[in-house]
């Protein structure tokens, strides 16, 4: 049952947020689980463990920051369609539909 819930959760994350974000989330979960295992089972935490956890945390935080990229433009070939019965002066504008992805 737990495996099913985990798989459905990951597939839902992929459908909603994409593969890259899902990979970041699963990596963060693994890092937190590893950190908690060191706290719960009282293993010695060396400087290398701390620096690795710091680097993973910084990478996740930097990836979540906005990129400040301009919005993608719709190519003109997709925005305008020449209808067979119209002249060259008349252009029919066709609205593009959003793709709706199923959650699973």
Protein backbone atom coordinates (compact mmCIF):
# COMPACT_ATOMS: atom_id res chain seq x y z
CA UNK A 1 0.00 0.00 0.00
CA UNK A 2 2.84 2.38 0.87
CA UNK A 3 4.56 1.63 -2.47
CA UNK A 4 1.35 2.40 -4.35
CA UNK A 5 0.87 5.70 -2.52
CA UNK A 6 4.51 6.62 -3.18
CA UNK A 7 4.25 5.84 -6.90
CA UNK A 8 1.01 7.76 -7.31
CA UNK A 9 2.55 10.71 -5.48
CA UNK A 10 5.61 10.78 -7.72
CA UNK A 11 3.55 10.39 -10.90
CA UNK A 12 1.23 13.18 -9.77
CA UNK A 13 4.21 15.45 -9.08
CA UNK A 14 5.57 14.72 -12.56
CA UNK A 15 2.20 15.50 -14.16
CA UNK A 16 1.73 18.75 -12.25
CA UNK A 17 5.25 20.18 -11.91
CA UNK A 18 7.38 18.32 -14.45
CA UNK A 19 10.24 15.87 -14.22
CA UNK A 20 12.95 18.34 -13.14
CA UNK A 21 10.98 19.64 -10.16
CA UNK A 22 10.03 16.11 -9.15
CA UNK A 23 13.69 15.10 -9.23
CA UNK A 24 14.54 18.03 -6.95
CA UNK A 25 11.79 17.10 -4.54
CA UNK A 26 12.86 13.47 -4.35
CA UNK A 27 16.51 14.52 -3.88
CA UNK A 28 15.51 16.87 -1.06
CA UNK A 29 13.52 14.08 0.55
CA UNK A 30 16.53 11.78 0.41
CA UNK A 31 18.78 14.48 1.91
CA UNK A 32 16.34 15.08 4.78
CA UNK A 33 16.01 11.33 5.38
CA UNK A 34 19.80 10.95 5.48
CA UNK A 35 20.13 13.89 7.88
CA UNK A 36 17.43 12.48 10.16
CA UNK A 37 19.16 9.09 10.20
CA UNK A 38 22.30 10.75 11.54
CA UNK A 39 20.29 12.48 14.27
CA UNK A 40 18.18 9.47 15.27
CA UNK A 41 20.94 6.83 15.25
CA UNK A 42 23.66 9.15 16.67
CA UNK A 43 26.28 8.51 14.01
CA UNK A 44 29.32 10.80 14.02
CA UNK A 45 28.67 13.76 11.72
CA UNK A 46 31.94 14.87 10.11
CA UNK A 47 32.75 18.11 8.29
CA UNK A 48 32.38 16.33 4.95
CA UNK A 49 28.83 15.27 5.83
CA UNK A 50 27.93 18.82 6.85
CA UNK A 51 29.47 20.40 3.74
CA UNK A 52 27.70 17.87 1.48
CA UNK A 53 24.35 18.62 3.11
CA UNK A 54 25.05 22.35 2.77
CA UNK A 55 25.86 21.99 -0.94
CA UNK A 56 22.71 19.95 -1.60
CA UNK A 57 20.59 22.52 0.25
CA UNK A 58 22.16 25.42 -1.64
CA UNK A 59 21.57 23.68 -4.98
CA UNK A 60 17.91 23.06 -4.21
CA UNK A 61 17.40 26.65 -3.04
CA UNK A 62 19.11 28.09 -6.13
CA UNK A 63 17.05 25.90 -8.44
CA UNK A 64 13.79 27.12 -6.87
CA UNK A 65 14.65 30.79 -7.46
CA UNK A 66 13.06 32.40 -10.54
CA UNK A 67 15.20 32.57 -13.70
CA UNK A 68 14.04 36.01 -14.94
CA UNK A 69 13.66 34.68 -18.47
CA UNK A 70 11.26 36.37 -20.89
CA UNK A 71 8.03 34.55 -21.64
CA UNK A 72 8.25 32.28 -24.69
CA UNK A 73 6.64 33.67 -27.82
CA UNK A 74 4.16 31.67 -29.87
CA UNK A 75 5.56 31.13 -33.37
CA UNK A 76 3.66 32.97 -36.07
CA UNK A 77 3.08 29.73 -37.93
CA UNK A 78 1.00 28.45 -35.00
CA UNK A 79 -0.87 31.69 -34.30
CA UNK A 80 -2.29 32.40 -37.76
CA UNK A 81 -3.92 29.92 -40.12
CA UNK A 82 -4.81 30.69 -43.70
CA UNK A 83 -8.29 29.40 -44.40
CA UNK A 84 -8.68 27.88 -47.91
CA UNK A 85 -11.64 30.12 -48.83
CA UNK A 86 -10.09 33.43 -47.71
CA UNK A 87 -7.97 35.81 -49.72
CA UNK A 88 -4.47 36.86 -48.74
CA UNK A 89 -5.85 40.01 -47.10
CA UNK A 90 -8.07 38.04 -44.70
CA UNK A 91 -6.47 36.09 -41.90
CA UNK A 92 -8.31 33.77 -39.54
CA UNK A 93 -6.92 33.79 -36.01
CA UNK A 94 -7.02 30.45 -34.25
CA UNK A 95 -6.61 30.28 -30.49
CA UNK A 96 -4.31 27.56 -29.28
CA UNK A 97 -5.73 25.34 -26.57
CA UNK A 98 -3.77 24.52 -23.41
CA UNK A 99 -2.73 20.94 -23.15
CA UNK A 100 -4.38 19.40 -20.14
CA UNK A 101 -2.34 16.58 -18.69
CA UNK A 102 -3.94 13.91 -16.56
CA UNK A 103 -2.64 13.73 -13.00
CA UNK A 104 -1.64 10.10 -13.33
